Amino acid sequence: MGKKVSMARYEAAVEGYEGYCAACKKWSAECCEPDARGYECPRCEQPKVYGAEEAMMMGLVEVM
């Protein structure tokens, strides 16, 4: 089960090109395409950032 987020938060992440890090469980404000995979996280430096749409499809985030 992924991190639960509101529809408004999810839409803001998609429109703002934010990525979600599967390692540190945080949104990044870096430029990240919605279907990105394996980008480096600016916080934990792990290559586990996924675009908002990709993170939802993978079950990393759950839109409520």
PDB file of N, CA and C in Angstrom:
ATOM      1  N   MET A   1       0.838  -1.172   0.000  1.00  0.00           N
ATOM      2  CA  MET A   1       0.000   0.000   0.000  1.00  0.00           C
ATOM      3  C   MET A   1       0.887   1.240   0.000  1.00  0.00           C
ATOM      4  N   GLY A   2       0.564   2.192  -0.869  1.00  0.00           N
ATOM      5  CA  GLY A   2       1.371   3.395  -1.016  1.00  0.00           C
ATOM      6  C   GLY A   2       0.934   4.525  -0.107  1.00  0.00           C
ATOM      7  N   LYS A   3       1.647   5.604  -0.213  1.00  0.00           N
ATOM      8  CA  LYS A   3       1.343   6.812   0.551  1.00  0.00           C
ATOM      9  C   LYS A   3       0.019   7.377   0.047  1.00  0.00           C
ATOM     10  N   LYS A   4      -0.892   7.693   0.950  1.00  0.00           N
ATOM     11  CA  LYS A   4      -2.191   8.236   0.569  1.00  0.00           C
ATOM     12  C   LYS A   4      -2.085   9.742   0.380  1.00  0.00           C
ATOM     13  N   VAL A   5      -2.575  10.208  -0.763  1.00  0.00           N
ATOM     14  CA  VAL A   5      -2.570  11.634  -1.079  1.00  0.00           C
ATOM     15  C   VAL A   5      -3.941  12.032  -1.630  1.00  0.00           C
ATOM     16  N   SER A   6      -4.291  13.290  -1.448  1.00  0.00           N
ATOM     17  CA  SER A   6      -5.559  13.786  -1.988  1.00  0.00           C
ATOM     18  C   SER A   6      -5.444  13.955  -3.502  1.00  0.00           C
ATOM     19  N   MET A   7      -6.578  14.033  -4.150  1.00  0.00           N
ATOM     20  CA  MET A   7      -6.597  14.255  -5.595  1.00  0.00           C
ATOM     21  C   MET A   7      -5.945  15.594  -5.917  1.00  0.00           C
ATOM     22  N   ALA A   8      -6.205  16.606  -5.097  1.00  0.00           N
ATOM     23  CA  ALA A   8      -5.610  17.921  -5.329  1.00  0.00           C
ATOM     24  C   ALA A   8      -4.085  17.851  -5.234  1.00  0.00           C
ATOM     25  N   ARG A   9      -3.556  17.107  -4.260  1.00  0.00           N
ATOM     26  CA  ARG A   9      -2.102  16.994  -4.097  1.00  0.00           C
ATOM     27  C   ARG A   9      -1.491  16.244  -5.272  1.00  0.00           C
ATOM     28  N   TYR A  10      -2.168  15.182  -5.702  1.00  0.00           N
ATOM     29  CA  TYR A  10      -1.695  14.405  -6.846  1.00  0.00           C
ATOM     30  C   TYR A  10      -1.665  15.264  -8.109  1.00  0.00           C
ATOM     31  N   GLU A  11      -2.736  16.000  -8.366  1.00  0.00           N
ATOM     32  CA  GLU A  11      -2.799  16.855  -9.547  1.00  0.00           C
ATOM     33  C   GLU A  11      -1.727  17.940  -9.499  1.00  0.00           C
ATOM     34  N   ALA A  12      -1.466  18.485  -8.313  1.00  0.00           N
ATOM     35  CA  ALA A  12      -0.414  19.494  -8.164  1.00  0.00           C
ATOM     36  C   ALA A  12       0.957  18.883  -8.488  1.00  0.00           C
ATOM     37  N   ALA A  13       1.166  17.638  -8.073  1.00  0.00           N
ATOM     38  CA  ALA A  13       2.436  16.958  -8.359  1.00  0.00           C
ATOM     39  C   ALA A  13       2.605  16.720  -9.853  1.00  0.00           C
ATOM     40  N   VAL A  14       1.541  16.306 -10.528  1.00  0.00           N
ATOM     41  CA  VAL A  14       1.607  16.077 -11.977  1.00  0.00           C
ATOM     42  C   VAL A  14       1.875  17.392 -12.703  1.00  0.00           C
ATOM     43  N   GLU A  15       1.110  18.427 -12.380  1.00  0.00           N
ATOM     44  CA  GLU A  15       1.257  19.720 -13.050  1.00  0.00           C
ATOM     45  C   GLU A  15       2.583  20.401 -12.726  1.00  0.00           C
ATOM     46  N   GLY A  16       3.112  20.149 -11.524  1.00  0.00           N
ATOM     47  CA  GLY A  16       4.363  20.762 -11.108  1.00  0.00           C
ATOM     48  C   GLY A  16       5.590  19.940 -11.448  1.00  0.00           C
ATOM     49  N   TYR A  17       5.387  18.838 -12.177  1.00  0.00           N
ATOM     50  CA  TYR A  17       6.478  17.937 -12.558  1.00  0.00           C
ATOM     51  C   TYR A  17       7.296  17.481 -11.353  1.00  0.00           C
ATOM     52  N   GLU A  18       6.584  17.092 -10.301  1.00  0.00           N
ATOM     53  CA  GLU A  18       7.244  16.574  -9.112  1.00  0.00           C
ATOM     54  C   GLU A  18       7.417  15.071  -9.240  1.00  0.00           C
ATOM     55  N   GLY A  19       8.421  14.563  -8.577  1.00  0.00           N
ATOM     56  CA  GLY A  19       8.651  13.132  -8.531  1.00  0.00           C
ATOM     57  C   GLY A  19       8.482  12.638  -7.112  1.00  0.00           C
ATOM     58  N   TYR A  20       8.222  11.350  -6.974  1.00  0.00           N
ATOM     59  CA  TYR A  20       8.059  10.745  -5.652  1.00  0.00           C
ATOM     60  C   TYR A  20       9.183   9.737  -5.439  1.00  0.00           C
ATOM     61  N   CYS A  21       9.878   9.858  -4.322  1.00  0.00           N
ATOM     62  CA  CYS A  21      10.994   8.965  -4.040  1.00  0.00           C
ATOM     63  C   CYS A  21      10.510   7.743  -3.258  1.00  0.00           C
ATOM     64  N   ALA A  22      10.746   6.566  -3.799  1.00  0.00           N
ATOM     65  CA  ALA A  22      10.351   5.320  -3.148  1.00  0.00           C
ATOM     66  C   ALA A  22      11.243   5.010  -1.954  1.00  0.00           C
ATOM     67  N   ALA A  23      12.420   5.619  -1.881  1.00  0.00           N
ATOM     68  CA  ALA A  23      13.342   5.363  -0.777  1.00  0.00           C
ATOM     69  C   ALA A  23      13.005   6.214   0.446  1.00  0.00           C
ATOM     70  N   CYS A  24      12.917   7.532   0.264  1.00  0.00           N
ATOM     71  CA  CYS A  24      12.680   8.403   1.426  1.00  0.00           C
ATOM     72  C   CYS A  24      11.218   8.812   1.584  1.00  0.00           C
ATOM     73  N   LYS A  25      10.364   8.376   0.663  1.00  0.00           N
ATOM     74  CA  LYS A  25       8.914   8.609   0.735  1.00  0.00           C
ATOM     75  C   LYS A  25       8.538  10.089   0.747  1.00  0.00           C
ATOM     76  N   LYS A  26       9.253  10.890  -0.048  1.00  0.00           N
ATOM     77  CA  LYS A  26       9.004  12.333  -0.122  1.00  0.00           C
ATOM     78  C   LYS A  26       8.801  12.747  -1.575  1.00  0.00           C
ATOM     79  N   TRP A  27       8.040  13.830  -1.766  1.00  0.00           N
ATOM     80  CA  TRP A  27       7.904  14.447  -3.082  1.00  0.00           C
ATOM     81  C   TRP A  27       9.100  15.346  -3.290  1.00  0.00           C
ATOM     82  N   SER A  28       9.606  15.382  -4.500  1.00  0.00           N
ATOM     83  CA  SER A  28      10.704  16.297  -4.817  1.00  0.00           C
ATOM     84  C   SER A  28      10.155  17.401  -5.712  1.00  0.00           C
ATOM     85  N   ALA A  29      10.725  18.561  -5.610  1.00  0.00           N
ATOM     86  CA  ALA A  29      10.281  19.687  -6.423  1.00  0.00           C
ATOM     87  C   ALA A  29      11.100  19.811  -7.701  1.00  0.00           C
ATOM     88  N   GLU A  30      11.907  18.805  -7.979  1.00  0.00           N
ATOM     89  CA  GLU A  30      12.743  18.828  -9.178  1.00  0.00           C
ATOM     90  C   GLU A  30      11.900  18.573 -10.426  1.00  0.00           C
ATOM     91  N   CYS A  31      12.407  18.976 -11.556  1.00  0.00           N
ATOM     92  CA  CYS A  31      11.725  18.726 -12.829  1.00  0.00           C
ATOM     93  C   CYS A  31      11.732  17.223 -13.099  1.00  0.00           C
ATOM     94  N   CYS A  32      10.564  16.654 -13.130  1.00  0.00           N
ATOM     95  CA  CYS A  32      10.430  15.208 -13.282  1.00  0.00           C
ATOM     96  C   CYS A  32       9.208  14.924 -14.147  1.00  0.00           C
ATOM     97  N   GLU A  33       9.425  14.325 -15.293  1.00  0.00           N
ATOM     98  CA  GLU A  33       8.317  13.981 -16.180  1.00  0.00           C
ATOM     99  C   GLU A  33       7.347  13.055 -15.435  1.00  0.00           C
ATOM    100  N   PRO A  34       6.044  13.135 -15.718  1.00  0.00           N
ATOM    101  CA  PRO A  34       5.064  12.298 -15.020  1.00  0.00           C
ATOM    102  C   PRO A  34       5.311  10.789 -15.146  1.00  0.00           C
ATOM    103  N   ASP A  35       5.984  10.351 -16.228  1.00  0.00           N
ATOM    104  CA  ASP A  35       6.238   8.920 -16.420  1.00  0.00           C
ATOM    105  C   ASP A  35       7.697   8.544 -16.143  1.00  0.00           C
ATOM    106  N   ALA A  36       8.404   9.397 -15.414  1.00  0.00           N
ATOM    107  CA  ALA A  36       9.827   9.159 -15.126  1.00  0.00           C
ATOM    108  C   ALA A  36      10.026   7.928 -14.237  1.00  0.00           C
ATOM    109  N   ARG A  37      11.193   7.306 -14.408  1.00  0.00           N
ATOM    110  CA  ARG A  37      11.579   6.146 -13.595  1.00  0.00           C
ATOM    111  C   ARG A  37      13.055   6.243 -13.262  1.00  0.00           C
ATOM    112  N   GLY A  38      13.387   6.016 -12.010  1.00  0.00           N
ATOM    113  CA  GLY A  38      14.783   5.896 -11.615  1.00  0.00           C
ATOM    114  C   GLY A  38      15.592   7.176 -11.585  1.00  0.00           C
ATOM    115  N   TYR A  39      14.927   8.314 -11.435  1.00  0.00           N
ATOM    116  CA  TYR A  39      15.678   9.564 -11.304  1.00  0.00           C
ATOM    117  C   TYR A  39      16.352   9.590  -9.935  1.00  0.00           C
ATOM    118  N   GLU A  40      17.416  10.362  -9.809  1.00  0.00           N
ATOM    119  CA  GLU A  40      18.111  10.478  -8.529  1.00  0.00           C
ATOM    120  C   GLU A  40      17.378  11.466  -7.621  1.00  0.00           C
ATOM    121  N   CYS A  41      17.180  11.074  -6.384  1.00  0.00           N
ATOM    122  CA  CYS A  41      16.493  11.914  -5.400  1.00  0.00           C
ATOM    123  C   CYS A  41      17.449  13.005  -4.902  1.00  0.00           C
ATOM    124  N   PRO A  42      16.993  14.264  -4.899  1.00  0.00           N
ATOM    125  CA  PRO A  42      17.859  15.340  -4.406  1.00  0.00           C
ATOM    126  C   PRO A  42      18.051  15.294  -2.889  1.00  0.00           C
ATOM    127  N   ARG A  43      17.214  14.551  -2.183  1.00  0.00           N
ATOM    128  CA  ARG A  43      17.332  14.456  -0.724  1.00  0.00           C
ATOM    129  C   ARG A  43      18.228  13.298  -0.295  1.00  0.00           C
ATOM    130  N   CYS A  44      17.882  12.087  -0.743  1.00  0.00           N
ATOM    131  CA  CYS A  44      18.620  10.907  -0.280  1.00  0.00           C
ATOM    132  C   CYS A  44      19.629  10.390  -1.306  1.00  0.00           C
ATOM    133  N   GLU A  45      19.626  10.975  -2.494  1.00  0.00           N
ATOM    134  CA  GLU A  45      20.552  10.653  -3.581  1.00  0.00           C
ATOM    135  C   GLU A  45      20.434   9.220  -4.115  1.00  0.00           C
ATOM    136  N   GLN A  46      19.324   8.569  -3.861  1.00  0.00           N
ATOM    137  CA  GLN A  46      19.072   7.235  -4.389  1.00  0.00           C
ATOM    138  C   GLN A  46      18.352   7.362  -5.737  1.00  0.00           C
ATOM    139  N   PRO A  47      18.588   6.464  -6.666  1.00  0.00           N
ATOM    140  CA  PRO A  47      17.915   6.521  -7.975  1.00  0.00           C
ATOM    141  C   PRO A  47      16.523   5.882  -7.910  1.00  0.00           C
ATOM    142  N   LYS A  48      15.681   6.426  -7.038  1.00  0.00           N
ATOM    143  CA  LYS A  48      14.369   5.826  -6.805  1.00  0.00           C
ATOM    144  C   LYS A  48      13.228   6.817  -6.937  1.00  0.00           C
ATOM    145  N   VAL A  49      13.418   7.860  -7.750  1.00  0.00           N
ATOM    146  CA  VAL A  49      12.357   8.848  -7.955  1.00  0.00           C
ATOM    147  C   VAL A  49      11.557   8.480  -9.195  1.00  0.00           C
ATOM    148  N   TYR A  50      10.245   8.507  -9.028  1.00  0.00           N
ATOM    149  CA  TYR A  50       9.314   8.199 -10.111  1.00  0.00           C
ATOM    150  C   TYR A  50       8.396   9.388 -10.312  1.00  0.00           C
ATOM    151  N   GLY A  51       8.030   9.650 -11.551  1.00  0.00           N
ATOM    152  CA  GLY A  51       7.080  10.714 -11.835  1.00  0.00           C
ATOM    153  C   GLY A  51       5.762  10.429 -11.143  1.00  0.00           C
ATOM    154  N   ALA A  52       4.959  11.453 -10.928  1.00  0.00           N
ATOM    155  CA  ALA A  52       3.711  11.303 -10.178  1.00  0.00           C
ATOM    156  C   ALA A  52       2.789  10.233 -10.781  1.00  0.00           C
ATOM    157  N   GLU A  53       2.622  10.248 -12.088  1.00  0.00           N
ATOM    158  CA  GLU A  53       1.750   9.259 -12.728  1.00  0.00           C
ATOM    159  C   GLU A  53       2.327   7.851 -12.597  1.00  0.00           C
ATOM    160  N   GLU A  54       3.611   7.733 -12.790  1.00  0.00           N
ATOM    161  CA  GLU A  54       4.275   6.430 -12.687  1.00  0.00           C
ATOM    162  C   GLU A  54       4.183   5.901 -11.252  1.00  0.00           C
ATOM    163  N   ALA A  55       4.390   6.784 -10.283  1.00  0.00           N
ATOM    164  CA  ALA A  55       4.320   6.388  -8.868  1.00  0.00           C
ATOM    165  C   ALA A  55       2.916   5.869  -8.525  1.00  0.00           C
ATOM    166  N   MET A  56       1.887   6.494  -9.088  1.00  0.00           N
ATOM    167  CA  MET A  56       0.513   6.052  -8.839  1.00  0.00           C
ATOM    168  C   MET A  56       0.287   4.676  -9.472  1.00  0.00           C
ATOM    169  N   MET A  57       0.740   4.506 -10.715  1.00  0.00           N
ATOM    170  CA  MET A  57       0.532   3.223 -11.401  1.00  0.00           C
ATOM    171  C   MET A  57       1.285   2.087 -10.707  1.00  0.00           C
ATOM    172  N   MET A  58       2.427   2.419 -10.107  1.00  0.00           N
ATOM    173  CA  MET A  58       3.223   1.401  -9.415  1.00  0.00           C
ATOM    174  C   MET A  58       2.698   1.120  -8.001  1.00  0.00           C
ATOM    175  N   GLY A  59       1.758   1.914  -7.531  1.00  0.00           N
ATOM    176  CA  GLY A  59       1.216   1.722  -6.188  1.00  0.00           C
ATOM    177  C   GLY A  59       2.035   2.397  -5.098  1.00  0.00           C
ATOM    178  N   LEU A  60       2.961   3.269  -5.476  1.00  0.00           N
ATOM    179  CA  LEU A  60       3.763   3.986  -4.480  1.00  0.00           C
ATOM    180  C   LEU A  60       2.956   5.086  -3.801  1.00  0.00           C
ATOM    181  N   VAL A  61       2.009   5.676  -4.543  1.00  0.00           N
ATOM    182  CA  VAL A  61       1.089   6.643  -3.979  1.00  0.00           C
ATOM    183  C   VAL A  61      -0.333   6.197  -4.317  1.00  0.00           C
ATOM    184  N   GLU A  62      -1.224   6.463  -3.395  1.00  0.00           N
ATOM    185  CA  GLU A  62      -2.625   6.092  -3.570  1.00  0.00           C
ATOM    186  C   GLU A  62      -3.461   7.369  -3.495  1.00  0.00           C
ATOM    187  N   VAL A  63      -4.191   7.665  -4.573  1.00  0.00           N
ATOM    188  CA  VAL A  63      -5.007   8.876  -4.621  1.00  0.00           C
ATOM    189  C   VAL A  63      -6.338   8.586  -3.950  1.00  0.00           C
ATOM    190  N   MET A  64      -6.663   9.437  -3.001  1.00  0.00           N
ATOM    191  CA  MET A  64      -7.907   9.262  -2.235  1.00  0.00           C
ATOM    192  C   MET A  64      -8.994  10.177  -2.763  1.00  0.00           C
TER     193      MET A  64
END
